[in-house]
């Protein structure tokens, strides 16, 4: 299997600014702490998503997990409190491996699987193809773009409560 990713780059106004990582793996991206999303030099600057130096895939699912951490830490900074929000590198990329087959690749900074569903995310499945084809577009337009809570948290919470009863 080959998974081709187009070249990614921060916008030029970021790459040429003092906000960017000067050299190394994150060169040109906004220089942030990978857990707090706070800039490593300028404490009143935060970044997430496509312009950040976060060492993870730049996906909508990743940003969806980054945004609450950024908000929590920004509010803490405004209130002169300690930053307690922490991003673990969660990302998700549905990899289409054939017609009717998808691997729902969900993982963290350590590349450990982090499945939203009670299944092994490393196996290709027709059910995940159905999620990719029919559910994720609706979730994107009707929940993600509106800042709604991550559904996986609700699924895990319900599953955890059921397992405890």
C-alpha atoms as a PDB file:
ATOM      1  CA  UNK A   1       0.000   0.000   0.000  1.00  0.00           C
ATOM      2  CA  UNK A   2       1.196   3.511  -0.738  1.00  0.00           C
ATOM      3  CA  UNK A   3      -0.238   6.508   1.048  1.00  0.00           C
ATOM      4  CA  UNK A   4       0.770   9.700  -0.718  1.00  0.00           C
ATOM      5  CA  UNK A   5       0.650  12.993   1.154  1.00  0.00           C
ATOM      6  CA  UNK A   6       1.044  16.289  -0.691  1.00  0.00           C
ATOM      7  CA  UNK A   7       3.841  18.586   0.458  1.00  0.00           C
ATOM      8  CA  UNK A   8       2.735  20.730   3.376  1.00  0.00           C
ATOM      9  CA  UNK A   9       4.050  24.105   4.335  1.00  0.00           C
ATOM     10  CA  UNK A  10       3.158  26.924   6.667  1.00  0.00           C
ATOM     11  CA  UNK A  11       2.147  30.175   4.965  1.00  0.00           C
ATOM     12  CA  UNK A  12       5.071  32.418   4.003  1.00  0.00           C
ATOM     13  CA  UNK A  13       4.068  35.094   6.525  1.00  0.00           C
ATOM     14  CA  UNK A  14       4.552  32.474   9.269  1.00  0.00           C
ATOM     15  CA  UNK A  15       7.728  30.929   7.825  1.00  0.00           C
ATOM     16  CA  UNK A  16       9.463  34.297   7.667  1.00  0.00           C
ATOM     17  CA  UNK A  17       8.290  35.536  11.064  1.00  0.00           C
ATOM     18  CA  UNK A  18       9.823  35.253  14.531  1.00  0.00           C
ATOM     19  CA  UNK A  19       6.967  32.893  15.419  1.00  0.00           C
ATOM     20  CA  UNK A  20       8.407  30.089  13.296  1.00  0.00           C
ATOM     21  CA  UNK A  21      10.839  27.374  14.264  1.00  0.00           C
ATOM     22  CA  UNK A  22      14.203  28.577  12.912  1.00  0.00           C
ATOM     23  CA  UNK A  23      15.722  25.200  12.021  1.00  0.00           C
ATOM     24  CA  UNK A  24      15.289  21.476  12.368  1.00  0.00           C
ATOM     25  CA  UNK A  25      12.267  19.242  11.855  1.00  0.00           C
ATOM     26  CA  UNK A  26       9.687  21.944  12.563  1.00  0.00           C
ATOM     27  CA  UNK A  27      11.378  24.653  10.505  1.00  0.00           C
ATOM     28  CA  UNK A  28       8.879  27.235   9.260  1.00  0.00           C
ATOM     29  CA  UNK A  29       5.971  26.163  11.473  1.00  0.00           C
ATOM     30  CA  UNK A  30       4.711  28.109  14.518  1.00  0.00           C
ATOM     31  CA  UNK A  31       7.027  27.058  17.371  1.00  0.00           C
ATOM     32  CA  UNK A  32       4.735  25.605  20.048  1.00  0.00           C
ATOM     33  CA  UNK A  33       4.942  23.210  22.959  1.00  0.00           C
ATOM     34  CA  UNK A  34       3.473  19.940  21.707  1.00  0.00           C
ATOM     35  CA  UNK A  35       1.334  19.437  24.822  1.00  0.00           C
ATOM     36  CA  UNK A  36       0.166  22.941  25.785  1.00  0.00           C
ATOM     37  CA  UNK A  37       0.105  24.448  22.237  1.00  0.00           C
ATOM     38  CA  UNK A  38       1.662  27.588  23.731  1.00  0.00           C
ATOM     39  CA  UNK A  39       4.490  29.272  21.824  1.00  0.00           C
ATOM     40  CA  UNK A  40       7.926  28.322  23.133  1.00  0.00           C
ATOM     41  CA  UNK A  41       9.152  31.940  23.201  1.00  0.00           C
ATOM     42  CA  UNK A  42       6.079  34.193  23.229  1.00  0.00           C
ATOM     43  CA  UNK A  43       3.731  33.030  26.019  1.00  0.00           C
ATOM     44  CA  UNK A  44       0.742  34.986  24.705  1.00  0.00           C
ATOM     45  CA  UNK A  45       0.801  33.094  21.395  1.00  0.00           C
ATOM     46  CA  UNK A  46      -0.826  29.713  20.811  1.00  0.00           C
ATOM     47  CA  UNK A  47      -1.132  27.674  17.628  1.00  0.00           C
ATOM     48  CA  UNK A  48      -2.820  24.534  16.385  1.00  0.00           C
ATOM     49  CA  UNK A  49      -3.526  22.767  13.141  1.00  0.00           C
ATOM     50  CA  UNK A  50      -1.927  23.433   9.799  1.00  0.00           C
ATOM     51  CA  UNK A  51       0.449  26.215  10.888  1.00  0.00           C
ATOM     52  CA  UNK A  52       1.719  24.644  14.112  1.00  0.00           C
ATOM     53  CA  UNK A  53       4.940  22.717  14.671  1.00  0.00           C
ATOM     54  CA  UNK A  54       3.032  19.880  16.345  1.00  0.00           C
ATOM     55  CA  UNK A  55       4.660  16.581  15.333  1.00  0.00           C
ATOM     56  CA  UNK A  56       1.472  14.913  14.189  1.00  0.00           C
ATOM     57  CA  UNK A  57      -0.693  14.680  11.092  1.00  0.00           C
ATOM     58  CA  UNK A  58      -2.499  17.850  10.143  1.00  0.00           C
ATOM     59  CA  UNK A  59      -6.053  16.523  10.049  1.00  0.00           C
ATOM     60  CA  UNK A  60      -9.437  17.885  11.065  1.00  0.00           C
ATOM     61  CA  UNK A  61      -9.627  15.189  13.738  1.00  0.00           C
ATOM     62  CA  UNK A  62      -6.339  16.374  15.229  1.00  0.00           C
ATOM     63  CA  UNK A  63      -7.475  20.001  15.284  1.00  0.00           C
ATOM     64  CA  UNK A  64     -10.702  18.932  16.911  1.00  0.00           C
ATOM     65  CA  UNK A  65      -8.698  17.491  19.815  1.00  0.00           C
ATOM     66  CA  UNK A  66      -6.279  20.446  19.868  1.00  0.00           C
ATOM     67  CA  UNK A  67      -8.909  23.202  20.010  1.00  0.00           C
ATOM     68  CA  UNK A  68     -10.278  22.443  23.514  1.00  0.00           C
ATOM     69  CA  UNK A  69      -6.710  22.225  24.867  1.00  0.00           C
ATOM     70  CA  UNK A  70      -5.831  25.577  23.304  1.00  0.00           C
ATOM     71  CA  UNK A  71      -8.987  27.224  24.696  1.00  0.00           C
ATOM     72  CA  UNK A  72      -8.429  25.773  28.183  1.00  0.00           C
ATOM     73  CA  UNK A  73      -4.817  26.959  28.242  1.00  0.00           C
ATOM     74  CA  UNK A  74      -5.560  30.372  26.740  1.00  0.00           C
ATOM     75  CA  UNK A  75      -8.249  30.980  29.381  1.00  0.00           C
ATOM     76  CA  UNK A  76      -5.813  29.828  32.078  1.00  0.00           C
ATOM     77  CA  UNK A  77      -3.223  32.310  30.793  1.00  0.00           C
ATOM     78  CA  UNK A  78      -5.786  35.125  30.769  1.00  0.00           C
ATOM     79  CA  UNK A  79      -6.731  34.233  34.361  1.00  0.00           C
ATOM     80  CA  UNK A  80      -3.054  33.981  35.438  1.00  0.00           C
ATOM     81  CA  UNK A  81      -3.458  30.274  36.211  1.00  0.00           C
ATOM     82  CA  UNK A  82      -1.280  27.286  35.371  1.00  0.00           C
ATOM     83  CA  UNK A  83      -1.799  25.703  31.981  1.00  0.00           C
ATOM     84  CA  UNK A  84      -3.457  22.345  32.638  1.00  0.00           C
ATOM     85  CA  UNK A  85      -4.725  21.403  29.172  1.00  0.00           C
ATOM     86  CA  UNK A  86      -2.622  18.768  27.462  1.00  0.00           C
ATOM     87  CA  UNK A  87      -2.750  17.452  23.902  1.00  0.00           C
ATOM     88  CA  UNK A  88      -1.505  13.880  23.461  1.00  0.00           C
ATOM     89  CA  UNK A  89      -1.036  13.981  19.698  1.00  0.00           C
ATOM     90  CA  UNK A  90      -4.326  12.286  18.816  1.00  0.00           C
ATOM     91  CA  UNK A  91      -5.047  12.235  15.125  1.00  0.00           C
ATOM     92  CA  UNK A  92      -7.174  10.193  12.794  1.00  0.00           C
ATOM     93  CA  UNK A  93      -6.793   9.478   9.132  1.00  0.00           C
ATOM     94  CA  UNK A  94      -9.219   7.149   7.361  1.00  0.00           C
ATOM     95  CA  UNK A  95      -7.054   5.233   4.897  1.00  0.00           C
ATOM     96  CA  UNK A  96      -9.030   3.760   2.014  1.00  0.00           C
ATOM     97  CA  UNK A  97      -7.400   0.423   1.205  1.00  0.00           C
ATOM     98  CA  UNK A  98      -9.885  -0.754  -1.411  1.00  0.00           C
ATOM     99  CA  UNK A  99     -13.529  -0.404  -2.383  1.00  0.00           C
ATOM    100  CA  UNK A 100     -15.470  -0.941   0.816  1.00  0.00           C
ATOM    101  CA  UNK A 101     -12.313  -1.158   2.957  1.00  0.00           C
ATOM    102  CA  UNK A 102     -10.910   1.458   5.313  1.00  0.00           C
ATOM    103  CA  UNK A 103      -8.342   1.449   8.071  1.00  0.00           C
ATOM    104  CA  UNK A 104      -9.397   4.105  10.574  1.00  0.00           C
ATOM    105  CA  UNK A 105      -5.869   5.076  11.598  1.00  0.00           C
ATOM    106  CA  UNK A 106      -6.197   6.744  15.003  1.00  0.00           C
ATOM    107  CA  UNK A 107      -3.020   7.232  17.029  1.00  0.00           C
ATOM    108  CA  UNK A 108      -1.123   9.505  19.412  1.00  0.00           C
ATOM    109  CA  UNK A 109       2.378  11.033  19.524  1.00  0.00           C
ATOM    110  CA  UNK A 110       3.891   7.632  20.289  1.00  0.00           C
ATOM    111  CA  UNK A 111       2.071   6.092  17.298  1.00  0.00           C
ATOM    112  CA  UNK A 112       0.034   3.938  19.650  1.00  0.00           C
ATOM    113  CA  UNK A 113      -3.481   3.094  18.404  1.00  0.00           C
ATOM    114  CA  UNK A 114      -6.229   5.199  20.022  1.00  0.00           C
ATOM    115  CA  UNK A 115      -9.459   3.786  18.672  1.00  0.00           C
ATOM    116  CA  UNK A 116     -12.677   5.724  19.123  1.00  0.00           C
ATOM    117  CA  UNK A 117     -14.525   2.482  18.451  1.00  0.00           C
ATOM    118  CA  UNK A 118     -14.224  -0.753  20.469  1.00  0.00           C
ATOM    119  CA  UNK A 119     -12.268  -2.407  17.642  1.00  0.00           C
ATOM    120  CA  UNK A 120      -8.662  -2.728  16.519  1.00  0.00           C
ATOM    121  CA  UNK A 121      -8.010   0.362  14.348  1.00  0.00           C
ATOM    122  CA  UNK A 122      -5.179  -1.411  12.519  1.00  0.00           C
ATOM    123  CA  UNK A 123      -7.527  -3.715  10.596  1.00  0.00           C
ATOM    124  CA  UNK A 124      -9.320  -2.744   7.405  1.00  0.00           C
ATOM    125  CA  UNK A 125     -13.078  -2.903   7.801  1.00  0.00           C
ATOM    126  CA  UNK A 126     -16.221  -2.410   5.776  1.00  0.00           C
ATOM    127  CA  UNK A 127     -17.858  -0.787   8.807  1.00  0.00           C
ATOM    128  CA  UNK A 128     -15.160   1.914   8.848  1.00  0.00           C
ATOM    129  CA  UNK A 129     -15.680   2.433   5.116  1.00  0.00           C
ATOM    130  CA  UNK A 130     -19.349   3.113   5.907  1.00  0.00           C
ATOM    131  CA  UNK A 131     -18.292   5.581   8.617  1.00  0.00           C
ATOM    132  CA  UNK A 132     -15.897   7.320   6.202  1.00  0.00           C
ATOM    133  CA  UNK A 133     -18.395   7.379   3.344  1.00  0.00           C
ATOM    134  CA  UNK A 134     -21.629   8.260   5.140  1.00  0.00           C
ATOM    135  CA  UNK A 135     -21.046   9.458   8.698  1.00  0.00           C
ATOM    136  CA  UNK A 136     -17.846  11.529   8.652  1.00  0.00           C
ATOM    137  CA  UNK A 137     -19.064  14.021   6.011  1.00  0.00           C
ATOM    138  CA  UNK A 138     -22.155  14.727   8.130  1.00  0.00           C
ATOM    139  CA  UNK A 139     -20.062  14.953  11.318  1.00  0.00           C
ATOM    140  CA  UNK A 140     -17.671  17.364   9.601  1.00  0.00           C
ATOM    141  CA  UNK A 141     -20.341  19.782   8.336  1.00  0.00           C
ATOM    142  CA  UNK A 142     -22.789  19.510  11.225  1.00  0.00           C
ATOM    143  CA  UNK A 143     -20.565  19.027  14.270  1.00  0.00           C
ATOM    144  CA  UNK A 144     -16.878  19.701  13.688  1.00  0.00           C
ATOM    145  CA  UNK A 145     -17.260  23.067  11.993  1.00  0.00           C
ATOM    146  CA  UNK A 146     -19.721  24.128  14.695  1.00  0.00           C
ATOM    147  CA  UNK A 147     -17.345  23.259  17.535  1.00  0.00           C
ATOM    148  CA  UNK A 148     -19.413  20.404  18.923  1.00  0.00           C
ATOM    149  CA  UNK A 149     -17.923  17.933  21.397  1.00  0.00           C
ATOM    150  CA  UNK A 150     -15.958  14.980  20.001  1.00  0.00           C
ATOM    151  CA  UNK A 151     -18.355  12.043  19.625  1.00  0.00           C
ATOM    152  CA  UNK A 152     -15.665   9.553  20.620  1.00  0.00           C
ATOM    153  CA  UNK A 153     -15.596  11.008  24.125  1.00  0.00           C
ATOM    154  CA  UNK A 154     -19.327  10.353  24.456  1.00  0.00           C
ATOM    155  CA  UNK A 155     -18.978   6.815  23.071  1.00  0.00           C
ATOM    156  CA  UNK A 156     -16.178   6.004  25.521  1.00  0.00           C
ATOM    157  CA  UNK A 157     -18.028   7.568  28.439  1.00  0.00           C
ATOM    158  CA  UNK A 158     -21.148   5.512  27.720  1.00  0.00           C
ATOM    159  CA  UNK A 159     -19.087   2.369  27.118  1.00  0.00           C
ATOM    160  CA  UNK A 160     -17.162   2.933  30.348  1.00  0.00           C
ATOM    161  CA  UNK A 161     -20.382   3.406  32.370  1.00  0.00           C
ATOM    162  CA  UNK A 162     -21.889   0.260  30.832  1.00  0.00           C
ATOM    163  CA  UNK A 163     -18.754  -1.742  31.610  1.00  0.00           C
ATOM    164  CA  UNK A 164     -18.893  -0.613  35.246  1.00  0.00           C
ATOM    165  CA  UNK A 165     -22.558  -1.669  35.757  1.00  0.00           C
END
